[in-house]
Amino acid sequence: MAKRKPILSEEQKKRNAEILARLEAERQRLVEETRALQMQERRRPGRKRRKMSNA
């Protein structure tokens, strides 16, 4: 039995678009925050790892 595609009113389409835009903006913000935290961690002094010596 094939499922029928729901028919959305213009108001519903508009609300969906707004919600999707908000989610995309939130996702971008989280990506940027994560990137900033990673860069901050890399710059922090004293976080350098020692090289393994094979002696």
PDB file of N, CA and C in Angstrom:
ATOM      1  N   MET A   1       0.846  -1.182   0.000  1.00  0.00           N
ATOM      2  CA  MET A   1       0.000   0.000   0.000  1.00  0.00           C
ATOM      3  C   MET A   1       0.894   1.250   0.000  1.00  0.00           C
ATOM      4  N   ALA A   2       0.763   2.049  -1.018  1.00  0.00           N
ATOM      5  CA  ALA A   2       1.595   3.248  -1.149  1.00  0.00           C
ATOM      6  C   ALA A   2       1.090   4.352  -0.225  1.00  0.00           C
ATOM      7  N   LYS A   3       2.046   5.023   0.398  1.00  0.00           N
ATOM      8  CA  LYS A   3       1.670   6.149   1.256  1.00  0.00           C
ATOM      9  C   LYS A   3       1.477   7.378   0.393  1.00  0.00           C
ATOM     10  N   ARG A   4       0.439   8.116   0.709  1.00  0.00           N
ATOM     11  CA  ARG A   4       0.207   9.359  -0.029  1.00  0.00           C
ATOM     12  C   ARG A   4       0.989  10.497   0.605  1.00  0.00           C
ATOM     13  N   LYS A   5       1.509  11.356  -0.225  1.00  0.00           N
ATOM     14  CA  LYS A   5       2.256  12.512   0.254  1.00  0.00           C
ATOM     15  C   LYS A   5       1.262  13.499   0.872  1.00  0.00           C
ATOM     16  N   PRO A   6       1.552  13.973   2.095  1.00  0.00           N
ATOM     17  CA  PRO A   6       0.625  14.924   2.719  1.00  0.00           C
ATOM     18  C   PRO A   6       0.591  16.252   1.948  1.00  0.00           C
ATOM     19  N   ILE A   7      -0.567  16.829   1.899  1.00  0.00           N
ATOM     20  CA  ILE A   7      -0.722  18.125   1.223  1.00  0.00           C
ATOM     21  C   ILE A   7      -0.694  19.203   2.296  1.00  0.00           C
ATOM     22  N   LEU A   8       0.305  20.072   2.209  1.00  0.00           N
ATOM     23  CA  LEU A   8       0.461  21.128   3.209  1.00  0.00           C
ATOM     24  C   LEU A   8      -0.138  22.432   2.707  1.00  0.00           C
ATOM     25  N   SER A   9      -0.747  23.152   3.641  1.00  0.00           N
ATOM     26  CA  SER A   9      -1.257  24.469   3.285  1.00  0.00           C
ATOM     27  C   SER A   9      -0.075  25.432   3.187  1.00  0.00           C
ATOM     28  N   GLU A  10      -0.311  26.595   2.623  1.00  0.00           N
ATOM     29  CA  GLU A  10       0.761  27.597   2.496  1.00  0.00           C
ATOM     30  C   GLU A  10       1.287  28.009   3.874  1.00  0.00           C
ATOM     31  N   GLU A  11       0.376  28.112   4.845  1.00  0.00           N
ATOM     32  CA  GLU A  11       0.771  28.487   6.206  1.00  0.00           C
ATOM     33  C   GLU A  11       1.705  27.425   6.798  1.00  0.00           C
ATOM     34  N   GLN A  12       1.370  26.160   6.585  1.00  0.00           N
ATOM     35  CA  GLN A  12       2.205  25.077   7.106  1.00  0.00           C
ATOM     36  C   GLN A  12       3.571  25.060   6.422  1.00  0.00           C
ATOM     37  N   LYS A  13       3.582  25.301   5.123  1.00  0.00           N
ATOM     38  CA  LYS A  13       4.846  25.343   4.382  1.00  0.00           C
ATOM     39  C   LYS A  13       5.727  26.468   4.911  1.00  0.00           C
ATOM     40  N   LYS A  14       5.091  27.616   5.186  1.00  0.00           N
ATOM     41  CA  LYS A  14       5.821  28.773   5.688  1.00  0.00           C
ATOM     42  C   LYS A  14       6.415  28.482   7.069  1.00  0.00           C
ATOM     43  N   ARG A  15       5.608  27.876   7.938  1.00  0.00           N
ATOM     44  CA  ARG A  15       6.101  27.539   9.279  1.00  0.00           C
ATOM     45  C   ARG A  15       7.231  26.529   9.210  1.00  0.00           C
ATOM     46  N   ASN A  16       7.100  25.524   8.342  1.00  0.00           N
ATOM     47  CA  ASN A  16       8.163  24.530   8.187  1.00  0.00           C
ATOM     48  C   ASN A  16       9.460  25.192   7.728  1.00  0.00           C
ATOM     49  N   ALA A  17       9.345  26.103   6.779  1.00  0.00           N
ATOM     50  CA  ALA A  17      10.535  26.796   6.273  1.00  0.00           C
ATOM     51  C   ALA A  17      11.206  27.599   7.387  1.00  0.00           C
ATOM     52  N   GLU A  18      10.397  28.262   8.226  1.00  0.00           N
ATOM     53  CA  GLU A  18      10.949  29.043   9.334  1.00  0.00           C
ATOM     54  C   GLU A  18      11.673  28.136  10.325  1.00  0.00           C
ATOM     55  N   ILE A  19      11.060  27.001  10.639  1.00  0.00           N
ATOM     56  CA  ILE A  19      11.659  26.065  11.589  1.00  0.00           C
ATOM     57  C   ILE A  19      12.964  25.510  11.027  1.00  0.00           C
ATOM     58  N   LEU A  20      12.951  25.139   9.747  1.00  0.00           N
ATOM     59  CA  LEU A  20      14.166  24.610   9.124  1.00  0.00           C
ATOM     60  C   LEU A  20      15.277  25.651   9.102  1.00  0.00           C
ATOM     61  N   ALA A  21      14.921  26.900   8.839  1.00  0.00           N
ATOM     62  CA  ALA A  21      15.913  27.978   8.828  1.00  0.00           C
ATOM     63  C   ALA A  21      16.507  28.158  10.227  1.00  0.00           C
ATOM     64  N   ARG A  22      15.655  28.082  11.254  1.00  0.00           N
ATOM     65  CA  ARG A  22      16.123  28.226  12.631  1.00  0.00           C
ATOM     66  C   ARG A  22      17.067  27.080  13.006  1.00  0.00           C
ATOM     67  N   LEU A  23      16.702  25.864  12.609  1.00  0.00           N
ATOM     68  CA  LEU A  23      17.555  24.712  12.901  1.00  0.00           C
ATOM     69  C   LEU A  23      18.905  24.827  12.197  1.00  0.00           C
ATOM     70  N   GLU A  24      18.885  25.283  10.951  1.00  0.00           N
ATOM     71  CA  GLU A  24      20.131  25.432  10.201  1.00  0.00           C
ATOM     72  C   GLU A  24      21.025  26.493  10.848  1.00  0.00           C
ATOM     73  N   ALA A  25      20.416  27.588  11.312  1.00  0.00           N
ATOM     74  CA  ALA A  25      21.178  28.651  11.977  1.00  0.00           C
ATOM     75  C   ALA A  25      21.795  28.118  13.278  1.00  0.00           C
ATOM     76  N   GLU A  26      21.017  27.339  14.030  1.00  0.00           N
ATOM     77  CA  GLU A  26      21.506  26.751  15.277  1.00  0.00           C
ATOM     78  C   GLU A  26      22.666  25.792  14.986  1.00  0.00           C
ATOM     79  N   ARG A  27      22.536  25.006  13.937  1.00  0.00           N
ATOM     80  CA  ARG A  27      23.591  24.058  13.555  1.00  0.00           C
ATOM     81  C   ARG A  27      24.875  24.804  13.193  1.00  0.00           C
ATOM     82  N   GLN A  28      24.735  25.879  12.420  1.00  0.00           N
ATOM     83  CA  GLN A  28      25.909  26.668  12.044  1.00  0.00           C
ATOM     84  C   GLN A  28      26.591  27.258  13.279  1.00  0.00           C
ATOM     85  N   ARG A  29      25.779  27.753  14.216  1.00  0.00           N
ATOM     86  CA  ARG A  29      26.327  28.347  15.440  1.00  0.00           C
ATOM     87  C   ARG A  29      27.102  27.300  16.230  1.00  0.00           C
ATOM     88  N   LEU A  30      26.540  26.093  16.342  1.00  0.00           N
ATOM     89  CA  LEU A  30      27.214  25.026  17.078  1.00  0.00           C
ATOM     90  C   LEU A  30      28.519  24.621  16.399  1.00  0.00           C
ATOM     91  N   VAL A  31      28.514  24.555  15.079  1.00  0.00           N
ATOM     92  CA  VAL A  31      29.727  24.208  14.339  1.00  0.00           C
ATOM     93  C   VAL A  31      30.813  25.248  14.608  1.00  0.00           C
ATOM     94  N   GLU A  32      30.433  26.518  14.550  1.00  0.00           N
ATOM     95  CA  GLU A  32      31.406  27.585  14.773  1.00  0.00           C
ATOM     96  C   GLU A  32      31.933  27.581  16.204  1.00  0.00           C
ATOM     97  N   GLU A  33      31.042  27.333  17.181  1.00  0.00           N
ATOM     98  CA  GLU A  33      31.483  27.270  18.577  1.00  0.00           C
ATOM     99  C   GLU A  33      32.449  26.115  18.790  1.00  0.00           C
ATOM    100  N   THR A  34      32.125  24.967  18.195  1.00  0.00           N
ATOM    101  CA  THR A  34      32.987  23.796  18.332  1.00  0.00           C
ATOM    102  C   THR A  34      34.353  24.068  17.726  1.00  0.00           C
ATOM    103  N   ARG A  35      34.349  24.669  16.551  1.00  0.00           N
ATOM    104  CA  ARG A  35      35.605  24.986  15.880  1.00  0.00           C
ATOM    105  C   ARG A  35      36.434  25.940  16.733  1.00  0.00           C
ATOM    106  N   ALA A  36      35.775  26.944  17.309  1.00  0.00           N
ATOM    107  CA  ALA A  36      36.481  27.919  18.148  1.00  0.00           C
ATOM    108  C   ALA A  36      37.091  27.232  19.372  1.00  0.00           C
ATOM    109  N   LEU A  37      36.333  26.309  19.983  1.00  0.00           N
ATOM    110  CA  LEU A  37      36.854  25.597  21.146  1.00  0.00           C
ATOM    111  C   LEU A  37      38.049  24.723  20.766  1.00  0.00           C
ATOM    112  N   GLN A  38      37.985  24.087  19.617  1.00  0.00           N
ATOM    113  CA  GLN A  38      39.100  23.253  19.173  1.00  0.00           C
ATOM    114  C   GLN A  38      40.348  24.102  18.935  1.00  0.00           C
ATOM    115  N   MET A  39      40.169  25.256  18.316  1.00  0.00           N
ATOM    116  CA  MET A  39      41.315  26.133  18.061  1.00  0.00           C
ATOM    117  C   MET A  39      41.898  26.632  19.379  1.00  0.00           C
ATOM    118  N   GLN A  40      41.027  26.951  20.335  1.00  0.00           N
ATOM    119  CA  GLN A  40      41.461  27.427  21.645  1.00  0.00           C
ATOM    120  C   GLN A  40      42.295  26.345  22.337  1.00  0.00           C
ATOM    121  N   GLU A  41      41.846  25.107  22.250  1.00  0.00           N
ATOM    122  CA  GLU A  41      42.555  23.987  22.878  1.00  0.00           C
ATOM    123  C   GLU A  41      43.927  23.788  22.241  1.00  0.00           C
ATOM    124  N   ARG A  42      44.009  23.968  20.933  1.00  0.00           N
ATOM    125  CA  ARG A  42      45.293  23.798  20.247  1.00  0.00           C
ATOM    126  C   ARG A  42      46.284  24.881  20.647  1.00  0.00           C
ATOM    127  N   ARG A  43      45.797  26.093  20.904  1.00  0.00           N
ATOM    128  CA  ARG A  43      46.687  27.211  21.226  1.00  0.00           C
ATOM    129  C   ARG A  43      47.134  27.206  22.679  1.00  0.00           C
ATOM    130  N   ARG A  44      46.426  26.472  23.520  1.00  0.00           N
ATOM    131  CA  ARG A  44      46.721  26.510  24.948  1.00  0.00           C
ATOM    132  C   ARG A  44      48.146  26.019  25.217  1.00  0.00           C
ATOM    133  N   PRO A  45      48.946  26.802  25.925  1.00  0.00           N
ATOM    134  CA  PRO A  45      50.326  26.373  26.196  1.00  0.00           C
ATOM    135  C   PRO A  45      50.345  25.184  27.163  1.00  0.00           C
ATOM    136  N   GLY A  46      51.363  24.361  27.005  1.00  0.00           N
ATOM    137  CA  GLY A  46      51.502  23.224  27.900  1.00  0.00           C
ATOM    138  C   GLY A  46      50.706  22.008  27.466  1.00  0.00           C
ATOM    139  N   ARG A  47      50.067  22.079  26.301  1.00  0.00           N
ATOM    140  CA  ARG A  47      49.270  20.956  25.826  1.00  0.00           C
ATOM    141  C   ARG A  47      50.007  20.156  24.761  1.00  0.00           C
ATOM    142  N   LYS A  48      51.283  20.479  24.547  1.00  0.00           N
ATOM    143  CA  LYS A  48      52.039  19.774  23.514  1.00  0.00           C
ATOM    144  C   LYS A  48      52.342  18.359  23.971  1.00  0.00           C
ATOM    145  N   ARG A  49      52.170  17.427  23.063  1.00  0.00           N
ATOM    146  CA  ARG A  49      52.452  16.033  23.385  1.00  0.00           C
ATOM    147  C   ARG A  49      53.923  15.727  23.097  1.00  0.00           C
ATOM    148  N   ARG A  50      54.477  14.847  23.912  1.00  0.00           N
ATOM    149  CA  ARG A  50      55.859  14.443  23.689  1.00  0.00           C
ATOM    150  C   ARG A  50      55.921  13.457  22.536  1.00  0.00           C
ATOM    151  N   LYS A  51      57.001  13.562  21.773  1.00  0.00           N
ATOM    152  CA  LYS A  51      57.196  12.612  20.691  1.00  0.00           C
ATOM    153  C   LYS A  51      57.672  11.289  21.279  1.00  0.00           C
ATOM    154  N   MET A  52      57.147  10.211  20.738  1.00  0.00           N
ATOM    155  CA  MET A  52      57.573   8.879  21.209  1.00  0.00           C
ATOM    156  C   MET A  52      58.954   8.579  20.639  1.00  0.00           C
ATOM    157  N   SER A  53      59.871   8.194  21.514  1.00  0.00           N
ATOM    158  CA  SER A  53      61.213   7.853  21.032  1.00  0.00           C
ATOM    159  C   SER A  53      61.304   6.330  20.908  1.00  0.00           C
ATOM    160  N   ASN A  54      61.834   5.877  19.809  1.00  0.00           N
ATOM    161  CA  ASN A  54      61.952   4.447  19.563  1.00  0.00           C
ATOM    162  C   ASN A  54      63.318   3.915  19.970  1.00  0.00           C
ATOM    163  N   ALA A  55      63.915   4.450  21.021  1.00  0.00           N
ATOM    164  CA  ALA A  55      65.267   4.047  21.446  1.00  0.00           C
ATOM    165  C   ALA A  55      65.207   2.844  22.362  1.00  0.00           C
TER     166      ALA A  55
END
